[in-house]
Amino acid sequence: MNAYLLKNGRILDPTQHWDMRGDLRVREGRIAEIAPVLTPEAGETLIDCTGCWIAPGLVDIHVHLREPGQSYKETLQTGGAAAVAGGFTSICCMPNTDPPLDNPTLVREILARAKRESPCKVYVVAALTQGMRGELPCDYHALKQAGAVACSDDAFPVQSAEVMRRAMLGCAAYGLPVVTHCEDQTLSAGASMHAGAVSALLGLKGAPSSAETVQIARNALLAQETGCALHIQHLSTAIGVSLVRWFKAQGVPITTEVTPHHLLLTESACAQFDPDAKMNPPLRTEADREALTQGVRDGVIDCIATDHAPHAPFEKAQPFPAAPFGVLGLETALGCVLLWNAQLPQPLEPLQIVNLLSTAPARVMGLPAGTLQVGAPADVVVIDPERRWRVNPAELHSQSRNTPFKGWELIGKVRYTFVDGTMRHAAE
C-alpha cells in the first residue's frame, strides 16, 4: 500500500477534541502517527497541507445510489465518485430501488458490488416493510445478519401506526435503528412544494408543515413505547425542531438530520418553477430555515446529511408539478455548509463543522468512521476551507445534474480524499 505524510495541516478530530497544527502519517491503510512535526520516511509521498484542514472522512447517512434498477440515474461507481469528490468516505444507501432492498440477498449483493465498484465505503439501509408498501414487516434478523445497518421505507413512509409499531418492535429486537421520512400523505397528497405564500402565488398545491410534524410526533411516541432508536430524516420545519427538542428532553431515543439545501434555501427558490428546487420535504419558509439553523447550533439536530437524489435530465425537464422530487448533494454539501456557516452572525468552529459532517453521522448509525485515532482505517479528507468555486453541473461526477446550486459560488473545496489509505480523489 502507498504511504503518505500529510504535512502542516490543521488537524480536526471531534473524537479526540483535537484542533491543532500538525502532521499525519498514513501507512498500510491506517492512521499510523499524528504529531506536531513528523519527519518524512523513505517511500512516503509528501503532501503539503498548509492552509488546509485534515479531518476524518465525511460520512453521509442518506444517499440514493439508485441501484439496482435505476442505473440511468446513478450507479455505485458514479455515486461513489461523487462521494469522494465531495470528501465523503462512507455513505449509507437508501432502499427505494427497483426492486427494493427488502431481503438479505439484495443487501449482500449491494455490499459485495460496492466493494468492487465504489471508491468509497457503502453501507446499506434496508427496507422497513416488504416491498416498501407499508404493510408487512421484513425479516429484520436476516437483514441484520446480511449487513444492514438500519431500516427505512424512506420516500414511502409507513402510514399505518400499527404497522410502524410492529416494525419498531422488530427492529429494536435486533438493534436496528428505524430511519424515517416523516410525512402524513393524507395531508401532502398531490403537493409539489410547501403550502405557503409562494405556492399560492404560483397556483400549485402545497404540503403543509403538519404533514411532517404529525408523523414526527407519532413516530417519536412509538419510539418511546417500543424503545427503538429512531432517526428522523431531513427535518424541514420549525415545529419539527421544537418537537424533537421536547422528545429528546423526555429521554426518547431520537436523532435527526438536516440537509444543506434546507439550511440555505427557502420556498422562494421555487418561484421560477425550477424543478431542481423541487424536493421532499419541500423547501419551506425563512422562519423554518432559521429554526433549523438554531437546531444545528444548539445540538437538537444531530448531523447533516445530503439526501443525494439523482434524477435523469429528461425527468427533471418536465413541468414543475410532474417532475420528480430530489436534488444532488454529495459534491456540493461541504461548500454549501461552509457558505451557510460564513453567513451566520456567530459562525460555528471548524471542529463543529467536522462533527456535523463526519463524527456525528457515524455515531448516529454506529459506523466505524468519523475519527482520526491512531490505528483506525485511514479514511481522511484534506479540505481547503477558503477555496471558492462555482458549481457547474456538467463538471459533477454524478451521472445526473439536478442541483439547485448551479452557478452558485461555494466556499471550501476538497483537495484529497483517502479511503483505507488509498487516495481516491485529488483535486485538479
Protein backbone atom coordinates (compact mmCIF):
# COMPACT_ATOMS: atom_id res chain seq x y z
CA MET A 1 0.00 0.00 0.00
CA ASN A 2 1.02 3.62 -0.53
CA ALA A 3 2.39 5.59 2.40
CA TYR A 4 1.63 9.29 2.82
CA LEU A 5 2.74 12.06 5.10
CA LEU A 6 0.28 14.94 5.33
CA LYS A 7 2.29 17.96 6.50
CA ASN A 8 1.46 21.29 8.08
CA GLY A 9 -2.33 20.93 8.26
CA ARG A 10 -4.95 21.92 10.80
CA ILE A 11 -5.87 18.55 12.28
CA LEU A 12 -9.52 18.35 13.33
CA ASP A 13 -10.87 15.30 15.16
CA PRO A 14 -14.03 15.60 17.29
CA THR A 15 -13.50 12.12 18.80
CA GLN A 16 -10.29 13.34 20.43
CA HIS A 17 -11.25 17.02 20.77
CA TRP A 18 -8.30 17.90 18.57
CA ASP A 19 -7.91 21.20 16.79
CA MET A 20 -4.19 21.60 16.28
CA ARG A 21 -1.49 22.19 13.72
CA GLY A 22 0.46 19.12 12.80
CA ASP A 23 1.31 16.19 10.55
CA LEU A 24 -0.48 12.90 9.92
CA ARG A 25 1.14 9.72 8.64
CA VAL A 26 -0.77 7.07 6.67
CA ARG A 27 0.77 3.63 6.38
CA GLU A 28 -0.67 0.22 5.41
CA GLY A 29 -4.17 1.62 5.11
CA ARG A 30 -4.31 3.04 8.63
CA ILE A 31 -3.52 6.20 10.51
CA ALA A 32 -0.04 5.45 11.80
CA GLU A 33 1.05 8.59 13.62
CA ILE A 34 -0.01 12.16 14.41
CA ALA A 35 2.30 14.78 15.89
CA PRO A 36 3.10 18.49 15.66
CA VAL A 37 6.07 17.61 13.44
CA LEU A 38 6.87 14.30 11.73
CA THR A 39 9.99 13.54 9.71
CA PRO A 40 9.43 12.10 6.22
CA GLU A 41 10.44 8.47 5.82
CA ALA A 42 11.62 6.54 2.81
CA GLY A 43 8.89 5.61 0.39
CA GLU A 44 6.36 8.17 1.65
CA THR A 45 4.50 10.58 -0.60
CA LEU A 46 4.72 14.01 0.98
CA ILE A 47 1.63 16.25 0.73
CA ASP A 48 1.82 19.86 1.88
CA CYS A 49 -1.46 20.73 3.64
CA THR A 50 -0.59 24.29 4.59
CA GLY A 51 -3.80 26.29 4.97
CA CYS A 52 -5.91 23.13 4.86
CA TRP A 53 -7.92 21.06 7.29
CA ILE A 54 -7.01 17.41 7.82
CA ALA A 55 -10.17 15.70 9.04
CA PRO A 56 -11.87 12.32 9.26
CA GLY A 57 -13.53 11.37 6.00
CA LEU A 58 -17.04 12.80 5.78
CA VAL A 59 -19.98 10.46 6.39
CA ASP A 60 -23.34 10.73 4.60
CA ILE A 61 -26.10 8.60 6.08
CA HIS A 62 -28.74 9.48 3.47
CA VAL A 63 -27.80 8.73 -0.15
CA HIS A 64 -29.75 7.34 -3.09
CA LEU A 65 -27.45 5.28 -5.31
CA ARG A 66 -30.35 4.04 -7.49
CA GLU A 67 -29.06 0.50 -7.91
CA PRO A 68 -30.49 -1.95 -8.64
CA GLY A 69 -32.91 -0.96 -11.35
CA GLN A 70 -32.28 2.75 -11.98
CA SER A 71 -28.71 2.92 -13.21
CA TYR A 72 -29.67 5.58 -15.76
CA LYS A 73 -29.85 7.98 -12.78
CA GLU A 74 -26.80 6.86 -10.78
CA THR A 75 -24.59 3.82 -10.22
CA LEU A 76 -22.45 2.53 -7.39
CA GLN A 77 -19.43 3.77 -9.33
CA THR A 78 -20.70 7.26 -10.23
CA GLY A 79 -22.29 7.80 -6.84
CA GLY A 80 -19.07 6.70 -5.18
CA ALA A 81 -17.06 9.04 -7.39
CA ALA A 82 -19.36 11.92 -6.43
CA ALA A 83 -18.94 10.97 -2.78
CA VAL A 84 -15.14 11.02 -2.70
CA ALA A 85 -15.09 14.23 -4.76
CA GLY A 86 -17.21 15.73 -2.00
CA GLY A 87 -14.94 14.37 0.74
CA PHE A 88 -17.23 11.51 1.79
CA THR A 89 -15.52 8.22 2.58
CA SER A 90 -18.57 6.39 3.98
CA ILE A 91 -22.16 6.61 2.77
CA CYS A 92 -25.43 4.84 3.58
CA CYS A 93 -27.54 3.93 0.56
CA MET A 94 -31.33 4.02 0.75
CA PRO A 95 -33.54 1.03 -0.16
CA ASN A 96 -36.02 2.62 -2.60
CA THR A 97 -34.53 0.86 -5.60
CA ASP A 98 -36.10 -1.48 -8.15
CA PRO A 99 -36.59 -3.97 -6.59
CA PRO A 100 -36.42 -2.50 -3.07
CA LEU A 101 -33.68 -3.72 -0.73
CA ASP A 102 -36.10 -5.72 1.41
CA ASN A 103 -34.33 -9.09 1.62
CA PRO A 104 -30.89 -10.34 2.69
CA THR A 105 -29.90 -11.50 -0.80
CA LEU A 106 -30.19 -7.99 -2.22
CA VAL A 107 -28.40 -6.47 0.77
CA ARG A 108 -25.47 -8.86 0.35
CA GLU A 109 -25.39 -8.23 -3.39
CA ILE A 110 -25.17 -4.45 -3.00
CA LEU A 111 -22.48 -4.73 -0.34
CA ALA A 112 -20.43 -7.12 -2.47
CA ARG A 113 -20.79 -4.98 -5.59
CA ALA A 114 -19.93 -1.81 -3.70
CA LYS A 115 -16.63 -3.31 -2.56
CA ARG A 116 -15.75 -3.92 -6.21
CA GLU A 117 -17.25 -0.86 -7.85
CA SER A 118 -17.42 2.08 -5.45
CA PRO A 119 -14.37 4.16 -4.49
CA CYS A 120 -15.96 4.87 -1.09
CA LYS A 121 -17.38 2.63 1.62
CA VAL A 122 -21.06 1.82 1.21
CA TYR A 123 -23.42 0.73 3.99
CA VAL A 124 -26.96 -0.46 3.35
CA VAL A 125 -30.14 0.84 4.95
CA ALA A 126 -32.62 -1.95 4.19
CA ALA A 127 -36.37 -1.63 3.70
CA LEU A 128 -38.62 -1.39 6.74
CA THR A 129 -41.57 -3.21 5.14
CA GLN A 130 -41.85 -5.78 2.39
CA GLY A 131 -41.73 -4.08 -0.99
CA MET A 132 -41.74 -0.75 0.87
CA ARG A 133 -45.52 -0.97 0.71
CA GLY A 134 -46.07 -0.14 4.37
CA GLU A 135 -48.00 -3.32 5.10
CA LEU A 136 -45.86 -6.26 6.26
CA PRO A 137 -42.64 -6.16 8.30
CA CYS A 138 -39.42 -7.54 6.84
CA ASP A 139 -37.23 -10.25 8.38
CA TYR A 140 -35.10 -7.89 10.46
CA HIS A 141 -32.88 -10.61 11.87
CA ALA A 142 -31.96 -11.77 8.37
CA LEU A 143 -31.37 -8.19 7.20
CA LYS A 144 -29.08 -7.53 10.16
CA GLN A 145 -27.12 -10.73 9.50
CA ALA A 146 -26.77 -9.74 5.85
CA GLY A 147 -25.11 -6.49 6.87
CA ALA A 148 -27.88 -3.86 7.01
CA VAL A 149 -27.13 -1.04 9.46
CA ALA A 150 -30.69 0.29 9.74
CA CYS A 151 -34.16 0.00 8.19
CA SER A 152 -36.26 2.60 6.40
CA ASP A 153 -39.06 2.98 3.91
CA ASP A 154 -37.60 6.42 3.14
CA ALA A 155 -39.59 8.00 0.29
CA PHE A 156 -42.58 5.77 1.10
CA PRO A 157 -43.11 6.46 4.82
CA VAL A 158 -45.28 3.99 6.70
CA GLN A 159 -48.75 5.48 7.05
CA SER A 160 -50.19 2.92 9.48
CA ALA A 161 -49.28 3.49 13.13
CA GLU A 162 -49.92 -0.18 13.85
CA VAL A 163 -47.51 -1.33 11.14
CA MET A 164 -44.92 1.19 12.30
CA ARG A 165 -45.21 -0.01 15.89
CA ARG A 166 -44.68 -3.65 14.87
CA ALA A 167 -41.73 -2.67 12.69
CA MET A 168 -40.14 -0.74 15.54
CA LEU A 169 -40.56 -3.65 17.92
CA GLY A 170 -38.91 -5.96 15.38
CA CYS A 171 -36.02 -3.58 14.67
CA ALA A 172 -35.46 -2.90 18.38
CA ALA A 173 -35.12 -6.63 19.00
CA TYR A 174 -32.11 -6.78 16.67
CA GLY A 175 -30.55 -3.39 17.39
CA LEU A 176 -31.52 -1.83 14.07
CA PRO A 177 -32.37 1.89 14.10
CA VAL A 178 -35.53 2.90 12.25
CA VAL A 179 -34.75 5.71 9.82
CA THR A 180 -37.81 7.57 8.64
CA HIS A 181 -39.00 10.29 6.32
CA CYS A 182 -41.89 11.82 8.28
CA GLU A 183 -44.83 12.59 6.02
CA ASP A 184 -48.56 12.11 6.52
CA GLN A 185 -49.57 11.61 2.92
CA THR A 186 -53.23 12.33 3.62
CA LEU A 187 -52.05 15.91 4.20
CA SER A 188 -49.48 16.13 1.39
CA ALA A 189 -51.18 14.19 -1.45
CA GLY A 190 -50.77 15.97 -4.78
CA ALA A 191 -48.43 18.64 -3.39
CA SER A 192 -45.31 19.70 -5.24
CA MET A 193 -43.94 22.31 -2.80
CA HIS A 194 -44.59 23.90 0.60
CA ALA A 195 -48.08 25.23 1.28
CA GLY A 196 -47.46 28.93 1.71
CA ALA A 197 -47.26 32.28 0.01
CA VAL A 198 -45.22 31.07 -2.96
CA SER A 199 -47.43 28.07 -3.72
CA ALA A 200 -50.47 30.36 -3.58
CA LEU A 201 -48.79 32.79 -5.98
CA LEU A 202 -47.85 30.01 -8.40
CA GLY A 203 -51.19 28.25 -8.15
CA LEU A 204 -49.60 24.97 -7.03
CA LYS A 205 -50.85 22.59 -4.38
CA GLY A 206 -48.63 22.67 -1.33
CA ALA A 207 -47.81 20.38 1.57
CA PRO A 208 -48.41 21.96 5.00
CA SER A 209 -45.83 21.76 7.76
CA SER A 210 -48.22 19.47 9.64
CA ALA A 211 -47.61 16.75 7.03
CA GLU A 212 -44.17 16.44 8.62
CA THR A 213 -44.89 17.26 12.24
CA VAL A 214 -47.84 14.91 12.69
CA GLN A 215 -45.61 11.96 11.81
CA ILE A 216 -42.69 13.22 13.88
CA ALA A 217 -44.93 13.17 16.93
CA ARG A 218 -46.42 9.77 16.10
CA ASN A 219 -43.09 8.13 15.41
CA ALA A 220 -41.44 9.62 18.49
CA LEU A 221 -44.28 8.34 20.68
CA LEU A 222 -43.88 4.88 19.18
CA ALA A 223 -40.12 5.02 19.75
CA GLN A 224 -40.76 5.93 23.39
CA GLU A 225 -43.11 2.98 23.75
CA THR A 226 -41.01 0.38 21.92
CA GLY A 227 -37.51 1.54 22.90
CA CYS A 228 -36.50 1.55 19.23
CA ALA A 229 -33.81 4.01 18.16
CA LEU A 230 -35.49 6.48 15.80
CA HIS A 231 -33.69 8.68 13.28
CA ILE A 232 -35.72 11.37 11.53
CA GLN A 233 -34.53 12.26 8.06
CA HIS A 234 -34.23 15.74 6.52
CA LEU A 235 -36.03 17.81 9.15
CA SER A 236 -37.60 20.87 7.49
CA THR A 237 -39.94 22.68 9.90
CA ALA A 238 -39.63 24.95 12.93
CA ILE A 239 -42.31 22.98 14.79
CA GLY A 240 -40.43 19.79 13.93
CA VAL A 241 -37.32 21.18 15.63
CA SER A 242 -39.38 22.01 18.73
CA LEU A 243 -40.90 18.53 18.78
CA VAL A 244 -37.52 16.83 18.53
CA ARG A 245 -36.19 19.06 21.30
CA TRP A 246 -39.12 18.13 23.55
CA PHE A 247 -38.96 14.39 22.89
CA LYS A 248 -35.20 14.35 23.49
CA ALA A 249 -35.81 16.04 26.84
CA GLN A 250 -38.17 13.18 27.71
CA GLY A 251 -35.42 10.64 27.06
CA VAL A 252 -36.83 9.28 23.80
CA PRO A 253 -34.08 7.61 21.70
CA ILE A 254 -34.39 10.04 18.79
CA THR A 255 -31.86 11.66 16.45
CA THR A 256 -32.31 13.80 13.39
CA GLU A 257 -30.54 15.30 10.40
CA VAL A 258 -30.87 18.38 8.22
CA THR A 259 -29.76 18.84 4.60
CA PRO A 260 -27.57 21.66 3.27
CA HIS A 261 -30.35 22.75 0.93
CA HIS A 262 -32.82 23.19 3.79
CA LEU A 263 -30.21 25.28 5.63
CA LEU A 264 -29.59 27.58 2.66
CA LEU A 265 -32.81 27.75 0.64
CA THR A 266 -36.46 28.62 1.16
CA GLU A 267 -39.68 28.23 -0.82
CA SER A 268 -38.69 31.28 -2.87
CA ALA A 269 -36.25 29.06 -4.80
CA CYS A 270 -39.34 27.52 -6.44
CA ALA A 271 -40.74 30.88 -7.61
CA GLN A 272 -39.42 30.41 -11.16
CA PHE A 273 -40.82 26.88 -11.45
CA ASP A 274 -37.29 25.42 -11.35
CA PRO A 275 -37.70 21.62 -10.98
CA ASP A 276 -34.21 21.43 -9.49
CA ALA A 277 -35.64 23.19 -6.42
CA LYS A 278 -38.34 20.55 -6.02
CA MET A 279 -37.65 18.19 -3.15
CA ASN A 280 -39.47 16.27 -0.44
CA PRO A 281 -39.80 17.52 2.23
CA PRO A 282 -40.13 20.81 0.37
CA LEU A 283 -38.21 23.99 0.92
CA ARG A 284 -40.16 25.98 3.48
CA THR A 285 -40.20 29.49 4.96
CA GLU A 286 -37.41 31.72 6.20
CA ALA A 287 -38.68 31.17 9.75
CA ASP A 288 -38.30 27.42 9.26
CA ARG A 289 -34.80 27.87 7.84
CA GLU A 290 -33.79 29.98 10.83
CA ALA A 291 -35.20 27.40 13.24
CA LEU A 292 -33.20 24.66 11.51
CA THR A 293 -30.07 26.77 11.87
CA GLN A 294 -30.75 27.22 15.56
CA GLY A 295 -31.43 23.49 15.89
CA VAL A 296 -27.98 22.77 14.49
CA ARG A 297 -26.38 25.34 16.73
CA ASP A 298 -27.91 24.03 19.97
CA GLY A 299 -27.50 20.34 19.16
CA VAL A 300 -31.16 19.40 18.73
CA ILE A 301 -30.26 18.45 15.15
CA ASP A 302 -27.52 15.83 15.38
CA CYS A 303 -25.93 15.88 11.96
CA ILE A 304 -26.04 16.99 8.34
CA ALA A 305 -26.91 14.55 5.54
CA THR A 306 -27.37 15.26 1.85
CA ASP A 307 -30.38 13.19 0.74
CA HIS A 308 -28.44 12.89 -2.54
CA ALA A 309 -31.25 12.08 -5.00
CA PRO A 310 -30.12 11.94 -8.63
CA HIS A 311 -32.61 12.10 -11.48
CA ALA A 312 -32.01 11.97 -15.23
CA PRO A 313 -32.22 15.30 -17.08
CA PHE A 314 -35.30 14.22 -19.04
CA GLU A 315 -37.14 13.54 -15.78
CA LYS A 316 -36.37 16.94 -14.26
CA ALA A 317 -37.17 18.66 -17.57
CA GLN A 318 -40.89 18.06 -17.00
CA PRO A 319 -43.21 20.81 -15.76
CA PHE A 320 -42.77 21.51 -12.05
CA PRO A 321 -45.79 19.53 -10.78
CA ALA A 322 -44.79 16.43 -12.80
CA ALA A 323 -41.03 16.49 -12.16
CA PRO A 324 -39.71 14.06 -9.52
CA PHE A 325 -38.67 15.22 -6.05
CA GLY A 326 -34.98 15.33 -5.21
CA VAL A 327 -31.66 17.09 -5.70
CA LEU A 328 -27.98 16.16 -5.81
CA GLY A 329 -25.92 16.75 -2.70
CA LEU A 330 -22.68 14.79 -2.37
CA GLU A 331 -20.39 17.14 -4.26
CA THR A 332 -21.86 20.42 -3.04
CA ALA A 333 -22.53 19.58 0.63
CA LEU A 334 -19.25 20.80 2.10
CA GLY A 335 -19.23 24.02 0.08
CA CYS A 336 -22.87 24.71 0.96
CA VAL A 337 -22.32 24.11 4.66
CA LEU A 338 -19.27 26.39 4.75
CA LEU A 339 -21.18 29.06 2.80
CA TRP A 340 -24.11 28.78 5.24
CA ASN A 341 -21.70 28.94 8.17
CA ALA A 342 -19.99 32.04 6.77
CA GLN A 343 -23.35 33.82 6.72
CA LEU A 344 -24.04 33.22 10.42
CA PRO A 345 -23.58 36.12 12.86
CA GLN A 346 -21.56 33.72 15.02
CA PRO A 347 -20.11 31.00 12.77
CA LEU A 348 -19.54 27.50 14.08
CA GLU A 349 -15.97 26.43 14.75
CA PRO A 350 -14.29 24.12 12.21
CA LEU A 351 -14.37 21.25 14.73
CA GLN A 352 -18.16 21.63 14.96
CA ILE A 353 -18.48 21.52 11.17
CA VAL A 354 -16.41 18.34 11.00
CA ASN A 355 -18.53 16.81 13.74
CA LEU A 356 -21.77 17.56 11.86
CA LEU A 357 -20.49 16.08 8.60
CA SER A 358 -18.39 13.18 9.88
CA THR A 359 -18.26 12.12 13.52
CA ALA A 360 -21.91 12.70 14.45
CA PRO A 361 -23.48 10.88 11.48
CA ALA A 362 -21.12 7.96 12.04
CA ARG A 363 -22.23 7.84 15.66
CA VAL A 364 -25.93 8.01 14.74
CA MET A 365 -25.61 4.94 12.51
CA GLY A 366 -22.98 3.15 14.59
CA LEU A 367 -20.45 3.18 11.74
CA PRO A 368 -16.70 2.60 12.20
CA ALA A 369 -15.88 6.05 10.81
CA GLY A 370 -15.52 9.70 11.74
CA THR A 371 -12.24 9.51 13.65
CA LEU A 372 -8.51 10.11 13.22
CA GLN A 373 -7.45 7.88 16.08
CA VAL A 374 -4.14 6.13 15.52
CA GLY A 375 -4.77 2.61 14.25
CA ALA A 376 -8.12 3.50 12.70
CA PRO A 377 -8.67 2.99 8.96
CA ALA A 378 -7.14 5.92 7.10
CA ASP A 379 -10.39 7.48 5.89
CA VAL A 380 -9.16 11.05 5.66
CA VAL A 381 -10.15 14.22 3.84
CA VAL A 382 -7.97 17.26 3.18
CA ILE A 383 -10.05 20.42 2.78
CA ASP A 384 -9.11 23.89 1.59
CA PRO A 385 -11.66 25.90 3.64
CA GLU A 386 -11.04 29.18 1.81
CA ARG A 387 -11.18 27.93 -1.77
CA ARG A 388 -14.12 29.39 -3.68
CA TRP A 389 -15.55 27.58 -6.66
CA ARG A 390 -18.57 27.84 -8.92
CA VAL A 391 -20.98 24.93 -9.35
CA ASN A 392 -21.09 23.73 -12.96
CA PRO A 393 -23.44 20.74 -13.27
CA ALA A 394 -21.53 19.49 -16.33
CA GLU A 395 -18.40 19.06 -14.20
CA LEU A 396 -20.01 16.96 -11.47
CA HIS A 397 -19.05 13.31 -11.08
CA SER A 398 -22.65 12.20 -10.54
CA GLN A 399 -24.44 10.71 -13.51
CA SER A 400 -27.24 13.27 -13.01
CA ARG A 401 -27.21 17.07 -13.00
CA ASN A 402 -30.17 18.14 -10.82
CA THR A 403 -28.63 20.65 -8.43
CA PRO A 404 -30.40 23.79 -7.17
CA PHE A 405 -26.98 25.37 -6.69
CA LYS A 406 -26.00 25.60 -10.36
CA GLY A 407 -23.99 28.77 -10.88
CA TRP A 408 -23.53 29.39 -7.14
CA GLU A 409 -20.12 30.28 -5.74
CA LEU A 410 -19.47 27.98 -2.79
CA ILE A 411 -16.78 28.14 -0.10
CA GLY A 412 -14.46 25.22 0.64
CA LYS A 413 -13.10 22.57 -1.69
CA VAL A 414 -11.86 19.03 -1.12
CA ARG A 415 -8.22 18.63 -2.15
CA TYR A 416 -7.70 14.94 -1.34
CA THR A 417 -9.83 12.05 -0.16
CA PHE A 418 -8.30 8.83 1.19
CA VAL A 419 -10.25 5.63 1.79
CA ASP A 420 -8.40 2.93 3.73
CA GLY A 421 -5.18 4.80 2.99
CA THR A 422 -5.70 4.85 -0.79
CA MET A 423 -6.04 8.22 -2.49
CA ARG A 424 -9.46 8.13 -4.13
CA HIS A 425 -9.74 11.76 -5.13
CA ALA A 426 -7.29 14.55 -5.86
CA ALA A 427 -8.49 17.97 -6.97
CA GLU A 428 -7.08 19.29 -10.21
